[in-house]
Structures are given as C-alpha cells and as structure tokens.
C-alpha cells in the first residue's frame, strides 16, 4: 500500500495535473505527471466507469496499480504529482502484467 504522503487525494491537485501535466502512454496504462513543490512524489488513480461498470472491478484495478507503484516508488523521480489512468475493460488483469507496464511508464518519465 502506498504511504499516505505519496497519495494524491485532493480534487484541486487532480485538476492541476489534468491541466498542466505531461502525458505518457503504455497501452492500456497511461499517466500525466507535473512537478510539485514537495520533496516527495504523490500518485493518484483514475479508473473510468465507462470501462469498468462495477465498483468492485475498478477497486481491484486500483489495488493492483497501487501495489505496482509502491514496489517501484524508489525508481520514480521526486517532486512529481502523477495521475494514472487505466483504459481497458478487462478486470482480470494479472499483477505481473500491470507491474511490467508500470516499469515501462516509469522509464518514460525519466
């Protein structure tokens, strides 16, 4: 689980990332990142109802993404706000696949 200091939770912070963020894509995973004035990176997740109708499915994907980013947190550059998007309607994703996609996206951010 991501530590609380590494979570992006406020609506205004999400809006800032949506407006000013740089887009990175590794289909079906994508993210937007923008610099913040903090000493640590904060990560938020956005899973659309359009792709996953049930909250159970959306929450499962969020849990998998949180754990994948938690394992790779030391590889992410500091002082970033990141919003992660998952756009595919396959709720039965394997953690190994998601983890590999996260690693590829982190390399693109650098």
PDB file of N, CA and C in Angstrom:
ATOM      1  N   UNK A   1       0.837  -1.182   0.000  1.00  0.00           N
ATOM      2  CA  UNK A   1       0.000   0.000   0.000  1.00  0.00           C
ATOM      3  C   UNK A   1       0.881   1.243   0.000  1.00  0.00           C
ATOM      4  N   UNK A   2       0.468   2.236  -0.729  1.00  0.00           N
ATOM      5  CA  UNK A   2       1.217   3.486  -0.796  1.00  0.00           C
ATOM      6  C   UNK A   2       1.142   4.220   0.544  1.00  0.00           C
ATOM      7  N   UNK A   3       2.253   4.761   1.020  1.00  0.00           N
ATOM      8  CA  UNK A   3       2.206   5.588   2.231  1.00  0.00           C
ATOM      9  C   UNK A   3       1.335   6.816   1.992  1.00  0.00           C
ATOM     10  N   UNK A   4       0.754   7.355   3.052  1.00  0.00           N
ATOM     11  CA  UNK A   4      -0.187   8.474   2.907  1.00  0.00           C
ATOM     12  C   UNK A   4       0.470   9.709   2.304  1.00  0.00           C
ATOM     13  N   UNK A   5       1.760   9.915   2.556  1.00  0.00           N
ATOM     14  CA  UNK A   5       2.428  11.084   1.973  1.00  0.00           C
ATOM     15  C   UNK A   5       2.576  10.963   0.452  1.00  0.00           C
ATOM     16  N   UNK A   6       2.462   9.751  -0.086  1.00  0.00           N
ATOM     17  CA  UNK A   6       2.604   9.524  -1.519  1.00  0.00           C
ATOM     18  C   UNK A   6       1.275   9.393  -2.248  1.00  0.00           C
ATOM     19  N   UNK A   7       0.187   9.780  -1.591  1.00  0.00           N
ATOM     20  CA  UNK A   7      -1.136   9.680  -2.218  1.00  0.00           C
ATOM     21  C   UNK A   7      -1.627  11.050  -2.650  1.00  0.00           C
ATOM     22  N   UNK A   8      -2.150  11.103  -3.838  1.00  0.00           N
ATOM     23  CA  UNK A   8      -2.779  12.313  -4.364  1.00  0.00           C
ATOM     24  C   UNK A   8      -4.274  12.165  -4.103  1.00  0.00           C
ATOM     25  N   UNK A   9      -4.843  13.049  -3.269  1.00  0.00           N
ATOM     26  CA  UNK A   9      -6.225  12.848  -2.848  1.00  0.00           C
ATOM     27  C   UNK A   9      -7.147  14.028  -3.149  1.00  0.00           C
ATOM     28  N   UNK A  10      -6.634  15.235  -3.165  1.00  0.00           N
ATOM     29  CA  UNK A  10      -7.496  16.405  -3.302  1.00  0.00           C
ATOM     30  C   UNK A  10      -7.896  16.642  -4.753  1.00  0.00           C
ATOM     31  N   UNK A  11      -9.133  17.066  -4.909  1.00  0.00           N
ATOM     32  CA  UNK A  11      -9.671  17.337  -6.247  1.00  0.00           C
ATOM     33  C   UNK A  11      -8.862  18.429  -6.950  1.00  0.00           C
ATOM     34  N   UNK A  12      -8.431  19.441  -6.212  1.00  0.00           N
ATOM     35  CA  UNK A  12      -7.662  20.529  -6.820  1.00  0.00           C
ATOM     36  C   UNK A  12      -6.314  20.035  -7.335  1.00  0.00           C
ATOM     37  N   UNK A  13      -5.714  19.094  -6.628  1.00  0.00           N
ATOM     38  CA  UNK A  13      -4.440  18.528  -7.085  1.00  0.00           C
ATOM     39  C   UNK A  13      -4.635  17.710  -8.361  1.00  0.00           C
ATOM     40  N   UNK A  14      -5.711  16.936  -8.423  1.00  0.00           N
ATOM     41  CA  UNK A  14      -6.021  16.180  -9.638  1.00  0.00           C
ATOM     42  C   UNK A  14      -6.238  17.142 -10.801  1.00  0.00           C
ATOM     43  N   UNK A  15      -6.996  18.216 -10.562  1.00  0.00           N
ATOM     44  CA  UNK A  15      -7.281  19.189 -11.619  1.00  0.00           C
ATOM     45  C   UNK A  15      -6.005  19.846 -12.129  1.00  0.00           C
ATOM     46  N   UNK A  16      -5.080  20.124 -11.222  1.00  0.00           N
ATOM     47  CA  UNK A  16      -3.800  20.719 -11.611  1.00  0.00           C
ATOM     48  C   UNK A  16      -3.020  19.778 -12.524  1.00  0.00           C
ATOM     49  N   UNK A  17      -3.006  18.508 -12.199  1.00  0.00           N
ATOM     50  CA  UNK A  17      -2.295  17.525 -13.027  1.00  0.00           C
ATOM     51  C   UNK A  17      -2.980  17.389 -14.389  1.00  0.00           C
ATOM     52  N   UNK A  18      -4.319  17.374 -14.415  1.00  0.00           N
ATOM     53  CA  UNK A  18      -5.041  17.273 -15.687  1.00  0.00           C
ATOM     54  C   UNK A  18      -4.719  18.455 -16.598  1.00  0.00           C
ATOM     55  N   UNK A  19      -4.643  19.653 -16.023  1.00  0.00           N
ATOM     56  CA  UNK A  19      -4.408  20.864 -16.823  1.00  0.00           C
ATOM     57  C   UNK A  19      -2.968  20.980 -17.296  1.00  0.00           C
ATOM     58  N   UNK A  20      -2.012  20.777 -16.385  1.00  0.00           N
ATOM     59  CA  UNK A  20      -0.620  21.099 -16.671  1.00  0.00           C
ATOM     60  C   UNK A  20       0.275  19.893 -16.925  1.00  0.00           C
ATOM     61  N   UNK A  21      -0.240  18.693 -16.752  1.00  0.00           N
ATOM     62  CA  UNK A  21       0.597  17.505 -16.803  1.00  0.00           C
ATOM     63  C   UNK A  21       1.065  17.114 -18.185  1.00  0.00           C
ATOM     64  N   UNK A  22       2.189  16.413 -18.207  1.00  0.00           N
ATOM     65  CA  UNK A  22       2.736  15.829 -19.427  1.00  0.00           C
ATOM     66  C   UNK A  22       2.228  14.401 -19.526  1.00  0.00           C
ATOM     67  N   UNK A  23       1.798  14.008 -20.713  1.00  0.00           N
ATOM     68  CA  UNK A  23       1.151  12.724 -20.933  1.00  0.00           C
ATOM     69  C   UNK A  23       2.159  11.664 -21.360  1.00  0.00           C
ATOM     70  N   UNK A  24       2.044  10.457 -20.752  1.00  0.00           N
ATOM     71  CA  UNK A  24       2.858   9.305 -21.120  1.00  0.00           C
ATOM     72  C   UNK A  24       1.922   8.116 -21.301  1.00  0.00           C
ATOM     73  N   UNK A  25       2.188   7.282 -22.319  1.00  0.00           N
ATOM     74  CA  UNK A  25       1.286   6.179 -22.645  1.00  0.00           C
ATOM     75  C   UNK A  25       2.047   4.875 -22.778  1.00  0.00           C
ATOM     76  N   UNK A  26       1.504   3.845 -22.171  1.00  0.00           N
ATOM     77  CA  UNK A  26       1.935   2.461 -22.352  1.00  0.00           C
ATOM     78  C   UNK A  26       0.644   1.648 -22.300  1.00  0.00           C
ATOM     79  N   UNK A  27      -0.005   1.510 -23.460  1.00  0.00           N
ATOM     80  CA  UNK A  27      -1.369   0.991 -23.526  1.00  0.00           C
ATOM     81  C   UNK A  27      -1.505  -0.335 -22.784  1.00  0.00           C
ATOM     82  N   UNK A  28      -2.530  -0.504 -21.994  1.00  0.00           N
ATOM     83  CA  UNK A  28      -3.706   0.301 -21.690  1.00  0.00           C
ATOM     84  C   UNK A  28      -3.499   1.277 -20.527  1.00  0.00           C
ATOM     85  N   UNK A  29      -2.287   1.415 -20.076  1.00  0.00           N
ATOM     86  CA  UNK A  29      -1.987   2.278 -18.938  1.00  0.00           C
ATOM     87  C   UNK A  29      -1.418   3.591 -19.443  1.00  0.00           C
ATOM     88  N   UNK A  30      -1.847   4.694 -18.848  1.00  0.00           N
ATOM     89  CA  UNK A  30      -1.287   5.992 -19.206  1.00  0.00           C
ATOM     90  C   UNK A  30      -1.232   6.839 -17.944  1.00  0.00           C
ATOM     91  N   UNK A  31      -0.464   7.904 -18.017  1.00  0.00           N
ATOM     92  CA  UNK A  31      -0.376   8.790 -16.862  1.00  0.00           C
ATOM     93  C   UNK A  31      -0.057  10.201 -17.300  1.00  0.00           C
ATOM     94  N   UNK A  32      -0.355  11.132 -16.407  1.00  0.00           N
ATOM     95  CA  UNK A  32       0.024  12.521 -16.560  1.00  0.00           C
ATOM     96  C   UNK A  32       0.847  12.876 -15.343  1.00  0.00           C
ATOM     97  N   UNK A  33       1.925  13.615 -15.557  1.00  0.00           N
ATOM     98  CA  UNK A  33       2.811  13.988 -14.466  1.00  0.00           C
ATOM     99  C   UNK A  33       3.139  15.466 -14.545  1.00  0.00           C
ATOM    100  N   UNK A  34       3.227  16.098 -13.384  1.00  0.00           N
ATOM    101  CA  UNK A  34       3.583  17.507 -13.289  1.00  0.00           C
ATOM    102  C   UNK A  34       4.422  17.688 -12.027  1.00  0.00           C
ATOM    103  N   UNK A  35       5.355  18.637 -12.069  1.00  0.00           N
ATOM    104  CA  UNK A  35       6.190  18.917 -10.899  1.00  0.00           C
ATOM    105  C   UNK A  35       5.347  19.519  -9.788  1.00  0.00           C
ATOM    106  N   UNK A  36       5.687  19.171  -8.538  1.00  0.00           N
ATOM    107  CA  UNK A  36       5.078  19.804  -7.378  1.00  0.00           C
ATOM    108  C   UNK A  36       6.171  20.451  -6.538  1.00  0.00           C
ATOM    109  N   UNK A  37       5.797  21.171  -5.513  1.00  0.00           N
ATOM    110  CA  UNK A  37       6.774  21.864  -4.674  1.00  0.00           C
ATOM    111  C   UNK A  37       7.073  21.091  -3.401  1.00  0.00           C
ATOM    112  N   UNK A  38       6.886  19.802  -3.410  1.00  0.00           N
ATOM    113  CA  UNK A  38       7.128  18.955  -2.254  1.00  0.00           C
ATOM    114  C   UNK A  38       8.395  18.141  -2.467  1.00  0.00           C
ATOM    115  N   UNK A  39       8.831  17.476  -1.413  1.00  0.00           N
ATOM    116  CA  UNK A  39      10.045  16.665  -1.505  1.00  0.00           C
ATOM    117  C   UNK A  39       9.751  15.222  -1.897  1.00  0.00           C
ATOM    118  N   UNK A  40       8.490  14.899  -2.101  1.00  0.00           N
ATOM    119  CA  UNK A  40       8.131  13.526  -2.438  1.00  0.00           C
ATOM    120  C   UNK A  40       7.120  13.514  -3.581  1.00  0.00           C
ATOM    121  N   UNK A  41       6.982  12.355  -4.176  1.00  0.00           N
ATOM    122  CA  UNK A  41       6.057  12.155  -5.282  1.00  0.00           C
ATOM    123  C   UNK A  41       4.710  11.707  -4.737  1.00  0.00           C
ATOM    124  N   UNK A  42       3.639  12.238  -5.330  1.00  0.00           N
ATOM    125  CA  UNK A  42       2.284  11.818  -4.963  1.00  0.00           C
ATOM    126  C   UNK A  42       1.623  11.209  -6.189  1.00  0.00           C
ATOM    127  N   UNK A  43       0.880  10.115  -5.967  1.00  0.00           N
ATOM    128  CA  UNK A  43       0.268   9.376  -7.066  1.00  0.00           C
ATOM    129  C   UNK A  43      -1.224   9.209  -6.794  1.00  0.00           C
ATOM    130  N   UNK A  44      -2.043   9.471  -7.823  1.00  0.00           N
ATOM    131  CA  UNK A  44      -3.481   9.248  -7.755  1.00  0.00           C
ATOM    132  C   UNK A  44      -3.908   8.361  -8.913  1.00  0.00           C
ATOM    133  N   UNK A  45      -5.070   7.752  -8.779  1.00  0.00           N
ATOM    134  CA  UNK A  45      -5.533   6.802  -9.790  1.00  0.00           C
ATOM    135  C   UNK A  45      -6.929   7.170 -10.264  1.00  0.00           C
ATOM    136  N   UNK A  46      -7.149   7.027 -11.569  1.00  0.00           N
ATOM    137  CA  UNK A  46      -8.445   7.340 -12.159  1.00  0.00           C
ATOM    138  C   UNK A  46      -8.859   6.185 -13.075  1.00  0.00           C
ATOM    139  N   UNK A  47      -9.919   5.492 -12.674  1.00  0.00           N
ATOM    140  CA  UNK A  47     -10.448   4.380 -13.462  1.00  0.00           C
ATOM    141  C   UNK A  47     -11.879   4.755 -13.842  1.00  0.00           C
ATOM    142  N   UNK A  48     -12.174   4.867 -15.124  1.00  0.00           N
ATOM    143  CA  UNK A  48     -13.466   5.350 -15.573  1.00  0.00           C
ATOM    144  C   UNK A  48     -14.557   4.284 -15.506  1.00  0.00           C
ATOM    145  N   UNK A  49     -15.766   4.743 -15.181  1.00  0.00           N
ATOM    146  CA  UNK A  49     -16.926   3.863 -15.170  1.00  0.00           C
ATOM    147  C   UNK A  49     -17.242   3.335 -16.562  1.00  0.00           C
ATOM    148  N   UNK A  50     -16.843   4.090 -17.564  1.00  0.00           N
ATOM    149  CA  UNK A  50     -17.105   3.688 -18.947  1.00  0.00           C
ATOM    150  C   UNK A  50     -16.457   2.333 -19.250  1.00  0.00           C
ATOM    151  N   UNK A  51     -15.311   2.070 -18.660  1.00  0.00           N
ATOM    152  CA  UNK A  51     -14.584   0.833 -18.931  1.00  0.00           C
ATOM    153  C   UNK A  51     -14.895  -0.270 -17.932  1.00  0.00           C
ATOM    154  N   UNK A  52     -15.181   0.112 -16.678  1.00  0.00           N
ATOM    155  CA  UNK A  52     -15.484  -0.852 -15.618  1.00  0.00           C
ATOM    156  C   UNK A  52     -16.775  -0.416 -14.939  1.00  0.00           C
ATOM    157  N   UNK A  53     -17.862  -1.110 -15.222  1.00  0.00           N
ATOM    158  CA  UNK A  53     -19.176  -0.717 -14.710  1.00  0.00           C
ATOM    159  C   UNK A  53     -19.286  -0.935 -13.204  1.00  0.00           C
ATOM    160  N   UNK A  54     -18.675  -1.982 -12.696  1.00  0.00           N
ATOM    161  CA  UNK A  54     -18.819  -2.323 -11.280  1.00  0.00           C
ATOM    162  C   UNK A  54     -17.685  -1.721 -10.459  1.00  0.00           C
ATOM    163  N   UNK A  55     -18.034  -1.196  -9.295  1.00  0.00           N
ATOM    164  CA  UNK A  55     -17.040  -0.607  -8.395  1.00  0.00           C
ATOM    165  C   UNK A  55     -16.026  -1.648  -7.937  1.00  0.00           C
ATOM    166  N   UNK A  56     -16.454  -2.879  -7.814  1.00  0.00           N
ATOM    167  CA  UNK A  56     -15.558  -3.955  -7.396  1.00  0.00           C
ATOM    168  C   UNK A  56     -14.409  -4.102  -8.396  1.00  0.00           C
ATOM    169  N   UNK A  57     -14.732  -4.030  -9.677  1.00  0.00           N
ATOM    170  CA  UNK A  57     -13.705  -4.151 -10.720  1.00  0.00           C
ATOM    171  C   UNK A  57     -12.762  -2.960 -10.698  1.00  0.00           C
ATOM    172  N   UNK A  58     -13.313  -1.743 -10.566  1.00  0.00           N
ATOM    173  CA  UNK A  58     -12.478  -0.536 -10.515  1.00  0.00           C
ATOM    174  C   UNK A  58     -11.541  -0.577  -9.317  1.00  0.00           C
ATOM    175  N   UNK A  59     -12.064  -0.987  -8.175  1.00  0.00           N
ATOM    176  CA  UNK A  59     -11.242  -1.025  -6.966  1.00  0.00           C
ATOM    177  C   UNK A  59     -10.151  -2.090  -7.046  1.00  0.00           C
ATOM    178  N   UNK A  60     -10.438  -3.195  -7.700  1.00  0.00           N
ATOM    179  CA  UNK A  60      -9.429  -4.240  -7.863  1.00  0.00           C
ATOM    180  C   UNK A  60      -8.255  -3.721  -8.700  1.00  0.00           C
ATOM    181  N   UNK A  61      -8.576  -3.033  -9.792  1.00  0.00           N
ATOM    182  CA  UNK A  61      -7.529  -2.461 -10.641  1.00  0.00           C
ATOM    183  C   UNK A  61      -6.728  -1.429  -9.857  1.00  0.00           C
ATOM    184  N   UNK A  62      -7.403  -0.591  -9.083  1.00  0.00           N
ATOM    185  CA  UNK A  62      -6.701   0.414  -8.274  1.00  0.00           C
ATOM    186  C   UNK A  62      -5.763  -0.245  -7.270  1.00  0.00           C
ATOM    187  N   UNK A  63      -6.189  -1.323  -6.638  1.00  0.00           N
ATOM    188  CA  UNK A  63      -5.324  -2.023  -5.677  1.00  0.00           C
ATOM    189  C   UNK A  63      -4.081  -2.579  -6.368  1.00  0.00           C
ATOM    190  N   UNK A  64      -4.281  -3.163  -7.548  1.00  0.00           N
ATOM    191  CA  UNK A  64      -3.138  -3.708  -8.282  1.00  0.00           C
ATOM    192  C   UNK A  64      -2.172  -2.593  -8.684  1.00  0.00           C
ATOM    193  N   UNK A  65      -2.721  -1.468  -9.157  1.00  0.00           N
ATOM    194  CA  UNK A  65      -1.869  -0.342  -9.564  1.00  0.00           C
ATOM    195  C   UNK A  65      -1.132   0.251  -8.368  1.00  0.00           C
ATOM    196  N   UNK A  66      -1.826   0.411  -7.248  1.00  0.00           N
ATOM    197  CA  UNK A  66      -1.175   0.956  -6.049  1.00  0.00           C
ATOM    198  C   UNK A  66       0.013   0.104  -5.627  1.00  0.00           C
ATOM    199  N   UNK A  67      -0.179  -1.205  -5.623  1.00  0.00           N
ATOM    200  CA  UNK A  67       0.905  -2.090  -5.215  1.00  0.00           C
ATOM    201  C   UNK A  67       2.062  -2.047  -6.213  1.00  0.00           C
ATOM    202  N   UNK A  68       1.752  -1.987  -7.497  1.00  0.00           N
ATOM    203  CA  UNK A  68       2.806  -1.926  -8.514  1.00  0.00           C
ATOM    204  C   UNK A  68       3.623  -0.638  -8.363  1.00  0.00           C
ATOM    205  N   UNK A  69       2.953   0.492  -8.121  1.00  0.00           N
ATOM    206  CA  UNK A  69       3.674   1.742  -7.934  1.00  0.00           C
ATOM    207  C   UNK A  69       4.422   1.753  -6.598  1.00  0.00           C
ATOM    208  N   UNK A  70       3.861   1.113  -5.578  1.00  0.00           N
ATOM    209  CA  UNK A  70       4.549   1.044  -4.285  1.00  0.00           C
ATOM    210  C   UNK A  70       5.872   0.294  -4.424  1.00  0.00           C
ATOM    211  N   UNK A  71       5.877  -0.789  -5.181  1.00  0.00           N
ATOM    212  CA  UNK A  71       7.100  -1.565  -5.377  1.00  0.00           C
ATOM    213  C   UNK A  71       8.147  -0.811  -6.188  1.00  0.00           C
ATOM    214  N   UNK A  72       7.710   0.140  -7.009  1.00  0.00           N
ATOM    215  CA  UNK A  72       8.631   0.881  -7.873  1.00  0.00           C
ATOM    216  C   UNK A  72       8.793   2.336  -7.444  1.00  0.00           C
ATOM    217  N   UNK A  73       8.392   2.669  -6.232  1.00  0.00           N
ATOM    218  CA  UNK A  73       8.395   4.056  -5.768  1.00  0.00           C
ATOM    219  C   UNK A  73       9.801   4.651  -5.737  1.00  0.00           C
ATOM    220  N   UNK A  74      10.796   3.851  -5.406  1.00  0.00           N
ATOM    221  CA  UNK A  74      12.174   4.371  -5.338  1.00  0.00           C
ATOM    222  C   UNK A  74      12.730   4.700  -6.719  1.00  0.00           C
ATOM    223  N   UNK A  75      12.126   4.158  -7.783  1.00  0.00           N
ATOM    224  CA  UNK A  75      12.589   4.424  -9.150  1.00  0.00           C
ATOM    225  C   UNK A  75      11.971   5.673  -9.760  1.00  0.00           C
ATOM    226  N   UNK A  76      10.967   6.247  -9.079  1.00  0.00           N
ATOM    227  CA  UNK A  76      10.281   7.423  -9.591  1.00  0.00           C
ATOM    228  C   UNK A  76      10.987   8.672  -9.089  1.00  0.00           C
ATOM    229  N   UNK A  77      11.166   9.624  -9.991  1.00  0.00           N
ATOM    230  CA  UNK A  77      11.801  10.892  -9.640  1.00  0.00           C
ATOM    231  C   UNK A  77      10.966  11.608  -8.578  1.00  0.00           C
ATOM    232  N   UNK A  78      11.625  12.287  -7.623  1.00  0.00           N
ATOM    233  CA  UNK A  78      10.926  13.019  -6.571  1.00  0.00           C
ATOM    234  C   UNK A  78      10.279  14.288  -7.101  1.00  0.00           C
ATOM    235  N   UNK A  79       9.378  14.851  -6.315  1.00  0.00           N
ATOM    236  CA  UNK A  79       8.707  16.129  -6.593  1.00  0.00           C
ATOM    237  C   UNK A  79       7.806  16.076  -7.817  1.00  0.00           C
ATOM    238  N   UNK A  80       7.023  15.009  -7.935  1.00  0.00           N
ATOM    239  CA  UNK A  80       6.060  14.889  -9.029  1.00  0.00           C
ATOM    240  C   UNK A  80       4.676  14.596  -8.462  1.00  0.00           C
ATOM    241  N   UNK A  81       3.660  15.113  -9.132  1.00  0.00           N
ATOM    242  CA  UNK A  81       2.286  14.679  -8.925  1.00  0.00           C
ATOM    243  C   UNK A  81       1.918  13.872 -10.157  1.00  0.00           C
ATOM    244  N   UNK A  82       1.408  12.657  -9.940  1.00  0.00           N
ATOM    245  CA  UNK A  82       1.106  11.744 -11.044  1.00  0.00           C
ATOM    246  C   UNK A  82      -0.333  11.267 -10.923  1.00  0.00           C
ATOM    247  N   UNK A  83      -1.053  11.275 -12.042  1.00  0.00           N
ATOM    248  CA  UNK A  83      -2.375  10.653 -12.116  1.00  0.00           C
ATOM    249  C   UNK A  83      -2.289   9.530 -13.137  1.00  0.00           C
ATOM    250  N   UNK A  84      -2.679   8.335 -12.705  1.00  0.00           N
ATOM    251  CA  UNK A  84      -2.594   7.142 -13.536  1.00  0.00           C
ATOM    252  C   UNK A  84      -3.990   6.791 -14.044  1.00  0.00           C
ATOM    253  N   UNK A  85      -4.082   6.492 -15.343  1.00  0.00           N
ATOM    254  CA  UNK A  85      -5.339   6.105 -15.983  1.00  0.00           C
ATOM    255  C   UNK A  85      -5.212   4.671 -16.494  1.00  0.00           C
ATOM    256  N   UNK A  86      -6.263   3.899 -16.316  1.00  0.00           N
ATOM    257  CA  UNK A  86      -6.292   2.548 -16.857  1.00  0.00           C
ATOM    258  C   UNK A  86      -7.514   2.448 -17.752  1.00  0.00           C
ATOM    259  N   UNK A  87      -7.297   2.183 -19.045  1.00  0.00           N
ATOM    260  CA  UNK A  87      -8.396   2.228 -20.012  1.00  0.00           C
ATOM    261  C   UNK A  87      -8.523   0.924 -20.778  1.00  0.00           C
ATOM    262  N   UNK A  88      -9.037  -0.065 -20.110  1.00  0.00           N
ATOM    263  CA  UNK A  88      -9.356  -1.317 -20.785  1.00  0.00           C
ATOM    264  C   UNK A  88     -10.380  -2.048 -19.926  1.00  0.00           C
ATOM    265  N   UNK A  89     -11.327  -2.680 -20.544  1.00  0.00           N
ATOM    266  CA  UNK A  89     -12.384  -3.332 -19.783  1.00  0.00           C
ATOM    267  C   UNK A  89     -12.091  -4.808 -19.533  1.00  0.00           C
ATOM    268  N   UNK A  90     -10.881  -5.111 -19.107  1.00  0.00           N
ATOM    269  CA  UNK A  90     -10.511  -6.478 -18.744  1.00  0.00           C
ATOM    270  C   UNK A  90     -10.165  -6.488 -17.261  1.00  0.00           C
ATOM    271  N   UNK A  91     -11.132  -6.758 -16.394  1.00  0.00           N
ATOM    272  CA  UNK A  91     -10.878  -6.682 -14.964  1.00  0.00           C
ATOM    273  C   UNK A  91      -9.955  -7.772 -14.443  1.00  0.00           C
ATOM    274  N   UNK A  92      -9.759  -8.841 -15.196  1.00  0.00           N
ATOM    275  CA  UNK A  92      -8.950  -9.962 -14.725  1.00  0.00           C
ATOM    276  C   UNK A  92      -7.492  -9.827 -15.139  1.00  0.00           C
ATOM    277  N   UNK A  93      -6.936  -8.641 -14.953  1.00  0.00           N
ATOM    278  CA  UNK A  93      -5.537  -8.416 -15.295  1.00  0.00           C
ATOM    279  C   UNK A  93      -4.633  -9.063 -14.255  1.00  0.00           C
ATOM    280  N   UNK A  94      -3.537  -9.576 -14.702  1.00  0.00           N
ATOM    281  CA  UNK A  94      -2.547 -10.201 -13.840  1.00  0.00           C
ATOM    282  C   UNK A  94      -1.634  -9.122 -13.269  1.00  0.00           C
ATOM    283  N   UNK A  95      -1.248  -9.268 -12.001  1.00  0.00           N
ATOM    284  CA  UNK A  95      -0.374  -8.288 -11.360  1.00  0.00           C
ATOM    285  C   UNK A  95       0.952  -8.186 -12.083  1.00  0.00           C
ATOM    286  N   UNK A  96       1.453  -9.290 -12.579  1.00  0.00           N
ATOM    287  CA  UNK A  96       2.742  -9.294 -13.273  1.00  0.00           C
ATOM    288  C   UNK A  96       2.700  -8.409 -14.523  1.00  0.00           C
ATOM    289  N   UNK A  97       1.615  -8.483 -15.267  1.00  0.00           N
ATOM    290  CA  UNK A  97       1.459  -7.658 -16.475  1.00  0.00           C
ATOM    291  C   UNK A  97       1.400  -6.186 -16.107  1.00  0.00           C
ATOM    292  N   UNK A  98       0.589  -5.856 -15.102  1.00  0.00           N
ATOM    293  CA  UNK A  98       0.454  -4.469 -14.674  1.00  0.00           C
ATOM    294  C   UNK A  98       1.781  -3.933 -14.150  1.00  0.00           C
ATOM    295  N   UNK A  99       2.500  -4.735 -13.419  1.00  0.00           N
ATOM    296  CA  UNK A  99       3.798  -4.316 -12.885  1.00  0.00           C
ATOM    297  C   UNK A  99       4.786  -4.001 -14.007  1.00  0.00           C
ATOM    298  N   UNK A 100       4.793  -4.809 -15.052  1.00  0.00           N
ATOM    299  CA  UNK A 100       5.676  -4.548 -16.195  1.00  0.00           C
ATOM    300  C   UNK A 100       5.301  -3.246 -16.904  1.00  0.00           C
ATOM    301  N   UNK A 101       3.995  -2.999 -17.061  1.00  0.00           N
ATOM    302  CA  UNK A 101       3.552  -1.749 -17.674  1.00  0.00           C
ATOM    303  C   UNK A 101       3.975  -0.543 -16.843  1.00  0.00           C
ATOM    304  N   UNK A 102       3.878  -0.673 -15.526  1.00  0.00           N
ATOM    305  CA  UNK A 102       4.287   0.421 -14.631  1.00  0.00           C
ATOM    306  C   UNK A 102       5.778   0.691 -14.777  1.00  0.00           C
ATOM    307  N   UNK A 103       6.588  -0.348 -14.837  1.00  0.00           N
ATOM    308  CA  UNK A 103       8.035  -0.169 -15.003  1.00  0.00           C
ATOM    309  C   UNK A 103       8.357   0.552 -16.310  1.00  0.00           C
ATOM    310  N   UNK A 104       7.656   0.211 -17.386  1.00  0.00           N
ATOM    311  CA  UNK A 104       7.887   0.859 -18.676  1.00  0.00           C
ATOM    312  C   UNK A 104       7.510   2.342 -18.618  1.00  0.00           C
ATOM    313  N   UNK A 105       6.393   2.640 -17.943  1.00  0.00           N
ATOM    314  CA  UNK A 105       5.967   4.040 -17.817  1.00  0.00           C
ATOM    315  C   UNK A 105       6.946   4.845 -16.979  1.00  0.00           C
ATOM    316  N   UNK A 106       7.468   4.257 -15.928  1.00  0.00           N
ATOM    317  CA  UNK A 106       8.436   4.960 -15.076  1.00  0.00           C
ATOM    318  C   UNK A 106       9.699   5.299 -15.861  1.00  0.00           C
ATOM    319  N   UNK A 107      10.117   4.385 -16.728  1.00  0.00           N
ATOM    320  CA  UNK A 107      11.283   4.666 -17.566  1.00  0.00           C
ATOM    321  C   UNK A 107      11.014   5.834 -18.509  1.00  0.00           C
ATOM    322  N   UNK A 108       9.779   5.924 -19.007  1.00  0.00           N
ATOM    323  CA  UNK A 108       9.427   7.032 -19.914  1.00  0.00           C
ATOM    324  C   UNK A 108       9.418   8.373 -19.199  1.00  0.00           C
ATOM    325  N   UNK A 109       9.059   8.384 -17.929  1.00  0.00           N
ATOM    326  CA  UNK A 109       9.027   9.644 -17.178  1.00  0.00           C
ATOM    327  C   UNK A 109      10.415  10.237 -17.054  1.00  0.00           C
ATOM    328  N   UNK A 110      11.411   9.410 -16.857  1.00  0.00           N
ATOM    329  CA  UNK A 110      12.779   9.912 -16.693  1.00  0.00           C
ATOM    330  C   UNK A 110      13.251  10.539 -17.962  1.00  0.00           C
TER     331      UNK A 110
END
